[in-house]
Amino acid sequence: MNVVQNDCALCFVAIVDDVLTKIKYIIEQYELMRSEQMVVFFMLACMPLRFDVEGTTAVMTGDLTSRSPDKVAQLLEDNPDLEWIELLDCPGSMDDQAALKASRLIREAGINTRVPADGEIFSGAVDFFIAGVQREVVDGGIVGVHSWSDGSVEGSELPPEHSEHDLYEDYYEDMGVSEDFYWFTLNAASSDDIHHMTRDELVEYSLVTQ
């Protein structure tokens, strides 16, 4: 190869490298944009968590988010005589770690939980319900469960020994609920589907105490 050919080859390599670098940058920016759009979408789709207190009962509606621990802490501070949280319309959680943290506050405060006859709770809201010391699902109330997902993998796809399961297994153990319930939720439905638990299942997995 002569000097001219060598220079051309090096020039070609440099051009290809520059093009690949620019393509990589474009892809990264696109993925970032998509990520930001998804965050905005979920923020808009999210039902704000709300507690309406009457006497010793707080009626809960909305999604559990990263702000939920602070909201629950404020609820407990403002209502020292609170005994029950009634979950009326609770689609789930946008932040599982925060949702479980909020749930632990309920257990520590000795609060009971109830799903009324016209109540519907799904996904992470079921974990919140489990935090109740006494737990009741009135006939007609809906309790929906499914596998969690981080957007790239389903919880049911991970081997049992995977560390991602620890967060949930530890929580259920602390709440006095068998880890069998956790594995049941993973296999009951995929993350884009939902399984409505039967009365027998609620009893079998000790989700209800009365």
N, C-alpha and C. Protein backbone atom coordinates (compact mmCIF):
# COMPACT_ATOMS: atom_id res chain seq x y z
N MET A 1 0.86 -1.19 0.00
CA MET A 1 0.00 0.00 0.00
C MET A 1 0.90 1.25 0.00
N ASN A 2 0.68 2.18 -0.96
CA ASN A 2 1.50 3.39 -1.01
C ASN A 2 1.00 4.42 -0.02
N VAL A 3 1.71 5.55 0.06
CA VAL A 3 1.39 6.57 1.05
C VAL A 3 0.00 7.15 0.83
N VAL A 4 -0.35 7.38 -0.46
CA VAL A 4 -1.66 7.95 -0.77
C VAL A 4 -2.77 7.02 -0.32
N GLN A 5 -2.62 5.72 -0.63
CA GLN A 5 -3.63 4.74 -0.25
C GLN A 5 -3.76 4.66 1.27
N ASN A 6 -2.63 4.71 1.94
CA ASN A 6 -2.63 4.64 3.40
C ASN A 6 -3.35 5.84 4.00
N ASP A 7 -3.05 7.04 3.44
CA ASP A 7 -3.72 8.24 3.93
C ASP A 7 -5.22 8.18 3.70
N CYS A 8 -5.62 7.65 2.56
CA CYS A 8 -7.05 7.51 2.25
C CYS A 8 -7.73 6.55 3.22
N ALA A 9 -7.03 5.45 3.50
CA ALA A 9 -7.59 4.46 4.43
C ALA A 9 -7.78 5.06 5.80
N LEU A 10 -6.79 5.81 6.28
CA LEU A 10 -6.89 6.44 7.59
C LEU A 10 -8.00 7.49 7.60
N CYS A 11 -8.12 8.21 6.50
CA CYS A 11 -9.18 9.21 6.39
C CYS A 11 -10.55 8.55 6.44
N PHE A 12 -10.68 7.44 5.73
CA PHE A 12 -11.95 6.70 5.71
C PHE A 12 -12.32 6.20 7.10
N VAL A 13 -11.33 5.64 7.81
CA VAL A 13 -11.56 5.15 9.17
C VAL A 13 -12.01 6.29 10.08
N ALA A 14 -11.38 7.45 9.94
CA ALA A 14 -11.72 8.60 10.77
C ALA A 14 -13.15 9.06 10.49
N ILE A 15 -13.53 9.05 9.21
CA ILE A 15 -14.89 9.46 8.85
C ILE A 15 -15.92 8.49 9.42
N VAL A 16 -15.64 7.19 9.28
CA VAL A 16 -16.56 6.17 9.80
C VAL A 16 -16.70 6.31 11.31
N ASP A 17 -15.56 6.52 12.00
CA ASP A 17 -15.57 6.67 13.45
C ASP A 17 -16.39 7.89 13.86
N ASP A 18 -16.24 8.97 13.10
CA ASP A 18 -17.00 10.19 13.40
C ASP A 18 -18.49 9.98 13.20
N VAL A 19 -18.84 9.29 12.12
CA VAL A 19 -20.26 8.99 11.84
C VAL A 19 -20.86 8.12 12.94
N LEU A 20 -20.12 7.09 13.35
CA LEU A 20 -20.61 6.19 14.40
C LEU A 20 -20.80 6.93 15.72
N THR A 21 -19.87 7.84 16.01
CA THR A 21 -19.97 8.64 17.23
C THR A 21 -21.22 9.50 17.21
N LYS A 22 -21.50 10.10 16.04
CA LYS A 22 -22.68 10.95 15.92
C LYS A 22 -23.96 10.12 16.01
N ILE A 23 -23.94 8.93 15.42
CA ILE A 23 -25.11 8.05 15.49
C ILE A 23 -25.38 7.64 16.94
N LYS A 24 -24.30 7.30 17.66
CA LYS A 24 -24.43 6.93 19.06
C LYS A 24 -25.02 8.07 19.87
N TYR A 25 -24.56 9.30 19.58
CA TYR A 25 -25.06 10.47 20.30
C TYR A 25 -26.55 10.68 20.02
N ILE A 26 -26.94 10.52 18.76
CA ILE A 26 -28.35 10.70 18.38
C ILE A 26 -29.22 9.67 19.09
N ILE A 27 -28.74 8.43 19.14
CA ILE A 27 -29.50 7.37 19.81
C ILE A 27 -29.65 7.67 21.30
N GLU A 28 -28.56 8.12 21.92
CA GLU A 28 -28.59 8.45 23.35
C GLU A 28 -29.58 9.58 23.62
N GLN A 29 -29.58 10.59 22.77
CA GLN A 29 -30.49 11.72 22.95
C GLN A 29 -31.94 11.29 22.74
N TYR A 30 -32.14 10.40 21.78
CA TYR A 30 -33.50 9.90 21.53
C TYR A 30 -34.02 9.11 22.73
N GLU A 31 -33.14 8.24 23.27
CA GLU A 31 -33.53 7.45 24.42
C GLU A 31 -33.80 8.33 25.62
N LEU A 32 -32.99 9.38 25.79
CA LEU A 32 -33.21 10.32 26.88
C LEU A 32 -34.55 11.03 26.71
N MET A 33 -34.85 11.44 25.49
CA MET A 33 -36.11 12.12 25.22
C MET A 33 -37.29 11.19 25.51
N ARG A 34 -37.17 9.93 25.07
CA ARG A 34 -38.24 8.97 25.32
C ARG A 34 -38.44 8.77 26.80
N SER A 35 -37.32 8.70 27.54
CA SER A 35 -37.38 8.52 28.99
C SER A 35 -38.09 9.69 29.65
N GLU A 36 -37.74 10.90 29.23
CA GLU A 36 -38.38 12.09 29.79
C GLU A 36 -39.86 12.14 29.44
N GLN A 37 -40.18 11.73 28.22
CA GLN A 37 -41.58 11.70 27.81
C GLN A 37 -42.37 10.71 28.65
N MET A 38 -41.76 9.55 28.96
CA MET A 38 -42.44 8.56 29.77
C MET A 38 -42.67 9.08 31.18
N VAL A 39 -41.68 9.80 31.71
CA VAL A 39 -41.84 10.37 33.05
C VAL A 39 -43.02 11.34 33.07
N VAL A 40 -43.08 12.21 32.05
CA VAL A 40 -44.18 13.16 31.95
C VAL A 40 -45.50 12.42 31.81
N PHE A 41 -45.51 11.37 31.00
CA PHE A 41 -46.74 10.60 30.78
C PHE A 41 -47.25 10.03 32.10
N PHE A 42 -46.34 9.41 32.86
CA PHE A 42 -46.75 8.79 34.12
C PHE A 42 -47.19 9.83 35.14
N MET A 43 -46.52 11.00 35.09
CA MET A 43 -46.93 12.06 36.02
C MET A 43 -48.34 12.54 35.70
N LEU A 44 -48.64 12.65 34.41
CA LEU A 44 -49.97 13.10 34.01
C LEU A 44 -51.02 12.02 34.28
N ALA A 45 -50.62 10.75 34.09
CA ALA A 45 -51.57 9.65 34.27
C ALA A 45 -51.79 9.32 35.73
N CYS A 46 -50.87 9.71 36.57
CA CYS A 46 -50.92 9.37 37.99
C CYS A 46 -52.07 10.09 38.69
N MET A 47 -52.82 9.34 39.50
CA MET A 47 -53.86 9.93 40.34
C MET A 47 -53.20 10.40 41.62
N PRO A 48 -53.28 11.67 41.97
CA PRO A 48 -52.66 12.16 43.21
C PRO A 48 -53.19 11.41 44.43
N LEU A 49 -52.27 11.03 45.32
CA LEU A 49 -52.67 10.33 46.54
C LEU A 49 -53.41 11.29 47.45
N ARG A 50 -54.54 10.83 47.96
CA ARG A 50 -55.39 11.70 48.78
C ARG A 50 -55.99 10.91 49.94
N PHE A 51 -56.07 11.57 51.09
CA PHE A 51 -56.71 10.99 52.27
C PHE A 51 -57.80 11.94 52.75
N ASP A 52 -59.02 11.46 52.80
CA ASP A 52 -60.13 12.24 53.34
C ASP A 52 -60.52 11.63 54.68
N VAL A 53 -60.29 12.38 55.74
CA VAL A 53 -60.48 11.86 57.09
C VAL A 53 -61.83 12.25 57.65
N GLU A 54 -62.50 11.25 58.21
CA GLU A 54 -63.75 11.47 58.92
C GLU A 54 -63.72 10.63 60.18
N GLY A 55 -63.64 11.29 61.30
CA GLY A 55 -63.54 10.57 62.56
C GLY A 55 -62.23 9.83 62.67
N THR A 56 -62.31 8.52 62.87
CA THR A 56 -61.10 7.70 63.02
C THR A 56 -60.76 6.94 61.74
N THR A 57 -61.40 7.31 60.63
CA THR A 57 -61.18 6.62 59.35
C THR A 57 -60.72 7.61 58.28
N ALA A 58 -59.72 7.20 57.51
CA ALA A 58 -59.25 7.99 56.37
C ALA A 58 -59.55 7.22 55.09
N VAL A 59 -60.23 7.85 54.16
CA VAL A 59 -60.52 7.23 52.87
C VAL A 59 -59.39 7.59 51.92
N MET A 60 -58.78 6.57 51.35
CA MET A 60 -57.59 6.74 50.50
C MET A 60 -57.94 6.54 49.03
N THR A 61 -57.48 7.47 48.20
CA THR A 61 -57.62 7.33 46.75
C THR A 61 -56.30 7.77 46.10
N GLY A 62 -56.03 7.23 44.90
CA GLY A 62 -54.87 7.66 44.15
C GLY A 62 -53.71 6.67 44.18
N ASP A 63 -52.63 7.08 43.50
CA ASP A 63 -51.44 6.24 43.35
C ASP A 63 -50.40 6.53 44.41
N LEU A 64 -49.63 5.52 44.74
CA LEU A 64 -48.49 5.67 45.62
C LEU A 64 -47.28 6.10 44.79
N THR A 65 -46.61 7.16 45.22
CA THR A 65 -45.46 7.70 44.48
C THR A 65 -44.31 7.95 45.44
N SER A 66 -43.28 8.59 44.94
CA SER A 66 -42.12 8.90 45.78
C SER A 66 -42.48 9.85 46.92
N ARG A 67 -43.58 10.58 46.77
CA ARG A 67 -44.00 11.51 47.81
C ARG A 67 -44.88 10.87 48.88
N SER A 68 -45.27 9.64 48.67
CA SER A 68 -46.24 8.99 49.56
C SER A 68 -45.76 8.85 51.01
N PRO A 69 -44.49 8.49 51.26
CA PRO A 69 -44.06 8.40 52.66
C PRO A 69 -44.30 9.70 53.43
N ASP A 70 -44.00 10.83 52.82
CA ASP A 70 -44.22 12.11 53.49
C ASP A 70 -45.71 12.39 53.71
N LYS A 71 -46.53 12.01 52.72
CA LYS A 71 -47.97 12.23 52.85
C LYS A 71 -48.55 11.38 53.97
N VAL A 72 -48.09 10.12 54.03
CA VAL A 72 -48.59 9.22 55.08
C VAL A 72 -48.12 9.69 56.45
N ALA A 73 -46.87 10.10 56.53
CA ALA A 73 -46.34 10.60 57.80
C ALA A 73 -47.14 11.81 58.28
N GLN A 74 -47.50 12.70 57.34
CA GLN A 74 -48.29 13.88 57.68
C GLN A 74 -49.68 13.48 58.12
N LEU A 75 -50.26 12.50 57.44
CA LEU A 75 -51.59 12.00 57.81
C LEU A 75 -51.59 11.50 59.25
N LEU A 76 -50.59 10.72 59.61
CA LEU A 76 -50.51 10.16 60.96
C LEU A 76 -50.26 11.24 62.00
N GLU A 77 -49.44 12.21 61.63
CA GLU A 77 -49.14 13.30 62.57
C GLU A 77 -50.38 14.17 62.83
N ASP A 78 -51.14 14.42 61.77
CA ASP A 78 -52.31 15.29 61.89
C ASP A 78 -53.51 14.58 62.51
N ASN A 79 -53.50 13.24 62.52
CA ASN A 79 -54.66 12.47 62.99
C ASN A 79 -54.20 11.38 63.96
N PRO A 80 -53.82 11.78 65.17
CA PRO A 80 -53.30 10.80 66.14
C PRO A 80 -54.31 9.74 66.57
N ASP A 81 -55.60 10.01 66.37
CA ASP A 81 -56.64 9.05 66.76
C ASP A 81 -57.07 8.14 65.61
N LEU A 82 -56.36 8.22 64.49
CA LEU A 82 -56.73 7.43 63.32
C LEU A 82 -56.64 5.94 63.62
N GLU A 83 -57.65 5.19 63.18
CA GLU A 83 -57.67 3.74 63.40
C GLU A 83 -57.73 2.94 62.11
N TRP A 84 -58.42 3.47 61.11
CA TRP A 84 -58.63 2.73 59.86
C TRP A 84 -58.25 3.58 58.65
N ILE A 85 -57.71 2.91 57.64
CA ILE A 85 -57.58 3.51 56.31
C ILE A 85 -58.41 2.66 55.37
N GLU A 86 -59.35 3.30 54.70
CA GLU A 86 -60.24 2.62 53.77
C GLU A 86 -59.76 2.92 52.35
N LEU A 87 -59.29 1.89 51.65
CA LEU A 87 -58.75 2.06 50.30
C LEU A 87 -59.88 1.97 49.29
N LEU A 88 -60.24 3.11 48.72
CA LEU A 88 -61.41 3.19 47.85
C LEU A 88 -61.08 2.99 46.37
N ASP A 89 -60.13 3.77 45.87
CA ASP A 89 -59.78 3.72 44.44
C ASP A 89 -58.27 3.92 44.33
N CYS A 90 -57.52 2.83 44.33
CA CYS A 90 -56.06 2.90 44.41
C CYS A 90 -55.45 2.04 43.30
N PRO A 91 -55.07 2.67 42.17
CA PRO A 91 -54.57 1.92 41.01
C PRO A 91 -53.23 1.22 41.23
N GLY A 92 -52.39 1.71 42.14
CA GLY A 92 -51.10 1.04 42.33
C GLY A 92 -50.02 2.00 42.77
N SER A 93 -48.79 1.71 42.35
CA SER A 93 -47.65 2.53 42.77
C SER A 93 -46.78 2.89 41.57
N MET A 94 -46.19 4.06 41.63
CA MET A 94 -45.23 4.52 40.64
C MET A 94 -43.80 4.34 41.13
N ASP A 95 -43.66 4.05 42.42
CA ASP A 95 -42.35 3.88 43.04
C ASP A 95 -42.49 2.82 44.13
N ASP A 96 -42.09 1.59 43.84
CA ASP A 96 -42.32 0.49 44.77
C ASP A 96 -41.59 0.69 46.10
N GLN A 97 -40.36 1.15 46.05
CA GLN A 97 -39.61 1.33 47.28
C GLN A 97 -40.28 2.36 48.19
N ALA A 98 -40.71 3.45 47.61
CA ALA A 98 -41.39 4.49 48.39
C ALA A 98 -42.74 3.97 48.90
N ALA A 99 -43.43 3.19 48.08
CA ALA A 99 -44.72 2.65 48.47
C ALA A 99 -44.58 1.72 49.68
N LEU A 100 -43.54 0.91 49.68
CA LEU A 100 -43.33 0.00 50.81
C LEU A 100 -42.90 0.77 52.06
N LYS A 101 -42.15 1.83 51.86
CA LYS A 101 -41.76 2.68 52.99
C LYS A 101 -43.00 3.31 53.63
N ALA A 102 -43.90 3.81 52.80
CA ALA A 102 -45.15 4.39 53.29
C ALA A 102 -45.99 3.33 54.00
N SER A 103 -45.99 2.14 53.45
CA SER A 103 -46.76 1.04 54.04
C SER A 103 -46.25 0.69 55.42
N ARG A 104 -44.95 0.68 55.59
CA ARG A 104 -44.35 0.35 56.89
C ARG A 104 -44.77 1.37 57.96
N LEU A 105 -44.96 2.61 57.56
CA LEU A 105 -45.41 3.63 58.51
C LEU A 105 -46.79 3.29 59.06
N ILE A 106 -47.62 2.73 58.19
CA ILE A 106 -48.97 2.34 58.61
C ILE A 106 -48.91 1.22 59.65
N ARG A 107 -48.07 0.23 59.40
CA ARG A 107 -47.95 -0.88 60.34
C ARG A 107 -47.37 -0.38 61.68
N GLU A 108 -46.35 0.45 61.61
CA GLU A 108 -45.73 0.98 62.83
C GLU A 108 -46.73 1.76 63.68
N ALA A 109 -47.69 2.40 63.02
CA ALA A 109 -48.68 3.20 63.74
C ALA A 109 -49.86 2.35 64.22
N GLY A 110 -49.88 1.06 63.85
CA GLY A 110 -50.96 0.18 64.29
C GLY A 110 -52.29 0.43 63.62
N ILE A 111 -52.24 0.92 62.38
CA ILE A 111 -53.47 1.24 61.63
C ILE A 111 -54.04 -0.01 60.98
N ASN A 112 -55.37 -0.08 60.91
CA ASN A 112 -56.07 -1.16 60.22
C ASN A 112 -56.44 -0.71 58.80
N THR A 113 -56.64 -1.66 57.90
CA THR A 113 -56.99 -1.32 56.52
C THR A 113 -58.23 -2.08 56.08
N ARG A 114 -58.97 -1.43 55.17
CA ARG A 114 -60.21 -2.04 54.68
C ARG A 114 -60.42 -1.65 53.22
N VAL A 115 -60.91 -2.62 52.43
CA VAL A 115 -61.38 -2.34 51.07
C VAL A 115 -62.90 -2.42 51.12
N PRO A 116 -63.60 -1.31 50.89
CA PRO A 116 -65.06 -1.33 50.98
C PRO A 116 -65.70 -2.07 49.81
N ALA A 117 -66.99 -2.21 49.85
CA ALA A 117 -67.71 -2.96 48.81
C ALA A 117 -67.52 -2.35 47.43
N ASP A 118 -67.33 -1.03 47.36
CA ASP A 118 -67.12 -0.36 46.07
C ASP A 118 -65.65 0.02 45.88
N GLY A 119 -64.77 -0.61 46.64
CA GLY A 119 -63.35 -0.30 46.55
C GLY A 119 -62.61 -1.15 45.53
N GLU A 120 -61.55 -0.60 44.98
CA GLU A 120 -60.69 -1.30 44.02
C GLU A 120 -59.25 -0.96 44.32
N ILE A 121 -58.44 -1.99 44.58
CA ILE A 121 -57.01 -1.76 44.80
C ILE A 121 -56.22 -2.71 43.90
N PHE A 122 -55.12 -2.20 43.38
CA PHE A 122 -54.33 -2.99 42.45
C PHE A 122 -52.84 -2.84 42.74
N SER A 123 -52.09 -3.85 42.36
CA SER A 123 -50.63 -3.80 42.34
C SER A 123 -50.05 -3.32 43.67
N GLY A 124 -49.27 -2.23 43.65
CA GLY A 124 -48.62 -1.74 44.85
C GLY A 124 -49.57 -1.32 45.95
N ALA A 125 -50.80 -0.99 45.61
CA ALA A 125 -51.79 -0.62 46.62
C ALA A 125 -52.16 -1.83 47.48
N VAL A 126 -52.01 -3.03 46.90
CA VAL A 126 -52.27 -4.25 47.68
C VAL A 126 -51.21 -4.40 48.76
N ASP A 127 -49.97 -4.05 48.44
CA ASP A 127 -48.91 -4.09 49.45
C ASP A 127 -49.22 -3.11 50.58
N PHE A 128 -49.76 -1.95 50.22
CA PHE A 128 -50.14 -0.97 51.24
C PHE A 128 -51.24 -1.53 52.13
N PHE A 129 -52.21 -2.17 51.52
CA PHE A 129 -53.32 -2.79 52.27
C PHE A 129 -52.80 -3.82 53.26
N ILE A 130 -51.79 -4.59 52.85
CA ILE A 130 -51.23 -5.65 53.70
C ILE A 130 -50.60 -5.08 54.97
N ALA A 131 -50.24 -3.80 54.95
CA ALA A 131 -49.62 -3.19 56.13
C ALA A 131 -50.60 -3.05 57.29
N GLY A 132 -51.89 -3.16 57.02
CA GLY A 132 -52.88 -3.03 58.09
C GLY A 132 -52.72 -4.12 59.13
N VAL A 133 -52.89 -3.77 60.39
CA VAL A 133 -52.82 -4.77 61.45
C VAL A 133 -54.02 -5.70 61.33
N GLN A 134 -55.21 -5.11 61.26
CA GLN A 134 -56.42 -5.85 60.93
C GLN A 134 -56.78 -5.48 59.49
N ARG A 135 -57.15 -6.48 58.70
CA ARG A 135 -57.42 -6.23 57.28
C ARG A 135 -58.74 -6.86 56.87
N GLU A 136 -59.53 -6.06 56.17
CA GLU A 136 -60.86 -6.51 55.76
C GLU A 136 -61.13 -6.14 54.32
N VAL A 137 -61.67 -7.08 53.56
CA VAL A 137 -62.16 -6.81 52.21
C VAL A 137 -63.65 -7.13 52.22
N VAL A 138 -64.45 -6.10 52.14
CA VAL A 138 -65.90 -6.27 52.14
C VAL A 138 -66.33 -6.91 50.82
N ASP A 139 -67.34 -7.76 50.89
CA ASP A 139 -67.84 -8.41 49.67
C ASP A 139 -68.12 -7.36 48.59
N GLY A 140 -67.57 -7.59 47.41
CA GLY A 140 -67.71 -6.64 46.31
C GLY A 140 -66.43 -5.87 46.07
N GLY A 141 -65.58 -5.77 47.09
CA GLY A 141 -64.31 -5.09 46.94
C GLY A 141 -63.36 -5.89 46.04
N ILE A 142 -62.57 -5.19 45.24
CA ILE A 142 -61.68 -5.84 44.27
C ILE A 142 -60.22 -5.68 44.70
N VAL A 143 -59.52 -6.80 44.70
CA VAL A 143 -58.09 -6.81 45.00
C VAL A 143 -57.38 -7.43 43.80
N GLY A 144 -56.61 -6.62 43.07
CA GLY A 144 -55.97 -7.09 41.85
C GLY A 144 -54.45 -7.16 41.98
N VAL A 145 -53.89 -8.28 41.54
CA VAL A 145 -52.43 -8.46 41.65
C VAL A 145 -51.85 -8.88 40.31
N HIS A 146 -50.54 -8.66 40.17
CA HIS A 146 -49.82 -9.09 38.98
C HIS A 146 -48.33 -9.05 39.26
N SER A 147 -47.55 -9.48 38.29
CA SER A 147 -46.09 -9.44 38.42
C SER A 147 -45.60 -8.00 38.30
N TRP A 148 -44.56 -7.67 39.04
CA TRP A 148 -43.95 -6.35 38.85
C TRP A 148 -43.04 -6.40 37.63
N SER A 149 -42.70 -5.22 37.15
CA SER A 149 -41.79 -5.11 36.01
C SER A 149 -41.02 -3.81 36.13
N ASP A 150 -39.75 -3.84 35.73
CA ASP A 150 -38.96 -2.60 35.74
C ASP A 150 -38.90 -1.97 34.35
N GLY A 151 -39.72 -2.47 33.46
CA GLY A 151 -39.77 -1.96 32.10
C GLY A 151 -38.97 -2.79 31.12
N SER A 152 -38.06 -3.60 31.65
CA SER A 152 -37.24 -4.43 30.77
C SER A 152 -37.37 -5.92 31.11
N VAL A 153 -37.75 -6.21 32.34
CA VAL A 153 -37.88 -7.61 32.75
C VAL A 153 -39.04 -7.76 33.73
N GLU A 154 -39.72 -8.89 33.63
CA GLU A 154 -40.80 -9.21 34.55
C GLU A 154 -40.21 -9.88 35.79
N GLY A 155 -40.80 -9.61 36.93
CA GLY A 155 -40.35 -10.27 38.14
C GLY A 155 -40.41 -11.77 38.04
N SER A 156 -41.41 -12.26 37.32
CA SER A 156 -41.59 -13.71 37.16
C SER A 156 -40.51 -14.35 36.31
N GLU A 157 -39.76 -13.53 35.57
CA GLU A 157 -38.71 -14.06 34.69
C GLU A 157 -37.38 -14.26 35.42
N LEU A 158 -37.26 -13.66 36.59
CA LEU A 158 -36.01 -13.76 37.34
C LEU A 158 -35.97 -15.03 38.17
N PRO A 159 -34.82 -15.66 38.32
CA PRO A 159 -34.73 -16.88 39.15
C PRO A 159 -35.04 -16.56 40.61
N PRO A 160 -35.53 -17.52 41.35
CA PRO A 160 -35.93 -17.29 42.74
C PRO A 160 -34.84 -16.69 43.62
N GLU A 161 -33.59 -17.01 43.33
CA GLU A 161 -32.49 -16.52 44.17
C GLU A 161 -32.04 -15.11 43.80
N HIS A 162 -32.65 -14.50 42.80
CA HIS A 162 -32.22 -13.17 42.35
C HIS A 162 -32.48 -12.13 43.45
N SER A 163 -31.55 -11.20 43.62
CA SER A 163 -31.63 -10.22 44.69
C SER A 163 -32.80 -9.24 44.53
N GLU A 164 -33.32 -9.10 43.30
CA GLU A 164 -34.44 -8.19 43.09
C GLU A 164 -35.69 -8.62 43.86
N HIS A 165 -35.75 -9.89 44.23
CA HIS A 165 -36.91 -10.38 44.98
C HIS A 165 -36.85 -9.98 46.45
N ASP A 166 -35.67 -9.65 46.94
CA ASP A 166 -35.47 -9.44 48.38
C ASP A 166 -36.36 -8.33 48.93
N LEU A 167 -36.49 -7.24 48.19
CA LEU A 167 -37.27 -6.10 48.66
C LEU A 167 -38.68 -6.53 49.04
N TYR A 168 -39.29 -7.35 48.20
CA TYR A 168 -40.67 -7.78 48.41
C TYR A 168 -40.77 -8.90 49.44
N GLU A 169 -39.86 -9.86 49.35
CA GLU A 169 -39.89 -10.98 50.30
C GLU A 169 -39.69 -10.48 51.73
N ASP A 170 -38.75 -9.56 51.91
CA ASP A 170 -38.50 -9.01 53.24
C ASP A 170 -39.73 -8.28 53.77
N TYR A 171 -40.38 -7.55 52.88
CA TYR A 171 -41.57 -6.79 53.29
C TYR A 171 -42.68 -7.73 53.75
N TYR A 172 -42.97 -8.74 52.94
CA TYR A 172 -44.05 -9.67 53.30
C TYR A 172 -43.73 -10.40 54.60
N GLU A 173 -42.49 -10.76 54.78
CA GLU A 173 -42.10 -11.42 56.02
C GLU A 173 -42.34 -10.51 57.22
N ASP A 174 -41.96 -9.25 57.09
CA ASP A 174 -42.16 -8.29 58.18
C ASP A 174 -43.64 -8.04 58.45
N MET A 175 -44.47 -8.17 57.44
CA MET A 175 -45.91 -7.96 57.59
C MET A 175 -46.63 -9.22 58.07
N GLY A 176 -45.89 -10.32 58.19
CA GLY A 176 -46.50 -11.56 58.64
C GLY A 176 -47.28 -12.30 57.58
N VAL A 177 -46.98 -11.99 56.32
CA VAL A 177 -47.64 -12.66 55.19
C VAL A 177 -46.63 -13.60 54.54
N SER A 178 -47.06 -14.81 54.25
CA SER A 178 -46.16 -15.80 53.67
C SER A 178 -45.60 -15.33 52.33
N GLU A 179 -44.32 -15.67 52.09
CA GLU A 179 -43.73 -15.32 50.80
C GLU A 179 -44.39 -16.07 49.66
N ASP A 180 -45.19 -17.08 50.00
CA ASP A 180 -45.96 -17.78 48.96
C ASP A 180 -46.87 -16.81 48.22
N PHE A 181 -47.34 -15.80 48.94
CA PHE A 181 -48.20 -14.80 48.30
C PHE A 181 -47.43 -14.04 47.23
N TYR A 182 -46.17 -13.72 47.54
CA TYR A 182 -45.34 -13.00 46.57
C TYR A 182 -45.21 -13.79 45.28
N TRP A 183 -44.90 -15.08 45.40
CA TRP A 183 -44.73 -15.91 44.20
C TRP A 183 -46.07 -16.10 43.48
N PHE A 184 -47.14 -16.10 44.26
CA PHE A 184 -48.47 -16.18 43.66
C PHE A 184 -48.73 -14.97 42.77
N THR A 185 -48.39 -13.76 43.25
CA THR A 185 -48.64 -12.55 42.46
C THR A 185 -47.83 -12.55 41.17
N LEU A 186 -46.58 -13.05 41.24
CA LEU A 186 -45.74 -13.05 40.05
C LEU A 186 -46.31 -13.92 38.94
N ASN A 187 -46.96 -15.00 39.34
CA ASN A 187 -47.46 -15.96 38.36
C ASN A 187 -48.96 -15.80 38.06
N ALA A 188 -49.63 -14.96 38.84
CA ALA A 188 -51.07 -14.80 38.65
C ALA A 188 -51.39 -14.04 37.36
N ALA A 189 -50.53 -13.08 37.01
CA ALA A 189 -50.75 -12.29 35.78
C ALA A 189 -49.47 -11.54 35.45
N SER A 190 -49.27 -11.26 34.17
CA SER A 190 -48.11 -10.47 33.76
C SER A 190 -48.33 -9.02 34.16
N SER A 191 -47.29 -8.20 34.04
CA SER A 191 -47.37 -6.81 34.49
C SER A 191 -48.38 -5.98 33.70
N ASP A 192 -48.71 -6.42 32.48
CA ASP A 192 -49.69 -5.68 31.68
C ASP A 192 -51.09 -6.28 31.77
N ASP A 193 -51.26 -7.17 32.75
CA ASP A 193 -52.56 -7.81 32.98
C ASP A 193 -52.85 -7.73 34.47
N ILE A 194 -53.98 -8.24 34.90
CA ILE A 194 -54.32 -8.19 36.33
C ILE A 194 -55.17 -9.40 36.69
N HIS A 195 -54.97 -9.89 37.90
CA HIS A 195 -55.77 -11.01 38.40
C HIS A 195 -56.56 -10.53 39.61
N HIS A 196 -57.87 -10.69 39.55
CA HIS A 196 -58.73 -10.33 40.68
C HIS A 196 -58.78 -11.52 41.64
N MET A 197 -58.32 -11.31 42.83
CA MET A 197 -58.27 -12.40 43.80
C MET A 197 -59.66 -12.81 44.25
N THR A 198 -59.83 -14.10 44.43
CA THR A 198 -61.09 -14.62 44.93
C THR A 198 -61.08 -14.56 46.46
N ARG A 199 -62.24 -14.75 47.06
CA ARG A 199 -62.33 -14.77 48.52
C ARG A 199 -61.48 -15.89 49.09
N ASP A 200 -61.48 -17.04 48.43
CA ASP A 200 -60.67 -18.16 48.91
C ASP A 200 -59.18 -17.81 48.88
N GLU A 201 -58.75 -17.10 47.84
CA GLU A 201 -57.34 -16.72 47.74
C GLU A 201 -56.97 -15.69 48.80
N LEU A 202 -57.86 -14.77 49.07
CA LEU A 202 -57.61 -13.78 50.12
C LEU A 202 -57.41 -14.45 51.47
N VAL A 203 -58.18 -15.50 51.71
CA VAL A 203 -58.07 -16.24 52.97
C VAL A 203 -56.81 -17.12 52.96
N GLU A 204 -56.59 -17.81 51.85
CA GLU A 204 -55.45 -18.73 51.75
C GLU A 204 -54.13 -18.03 52.00
N TYR A 205 -53.97 -16.83 51.48
CA TYR A 205 -52.70 -16.11 51.62
C TYR A 205 -52.72 -15.11 52.77
N SER A 206 -53.74 -15.21 53.63
CA SER A 206 -53.83 -14.39 54.86
C SER A 206 -53.85 -12.89 54.59
N LEU A 207 -54.41 -12.49 53.46
CA LEU A 207 -54.52 -11.06 53.20
C LEU A 207 -55.60 -10.42 54.06
N VAL A 208 -56.59 -11.21 54.44
CA VAL A 208 -57.64 -10.70 55.32
C VAL A 208 -57.50 -11.36 56.69
N THR A 209 -57.80 -10.58 57.70
CA THR A 209 -57.76 -11.11 59.07
C THR A 209 -59.16 -11.22 59.64
N GLN A 210 -60.15 -10.70 58.92
CA GLN A 210 -61.53 -10.78 59.38
C GLN A 210 -62.48 -10.75 58.18
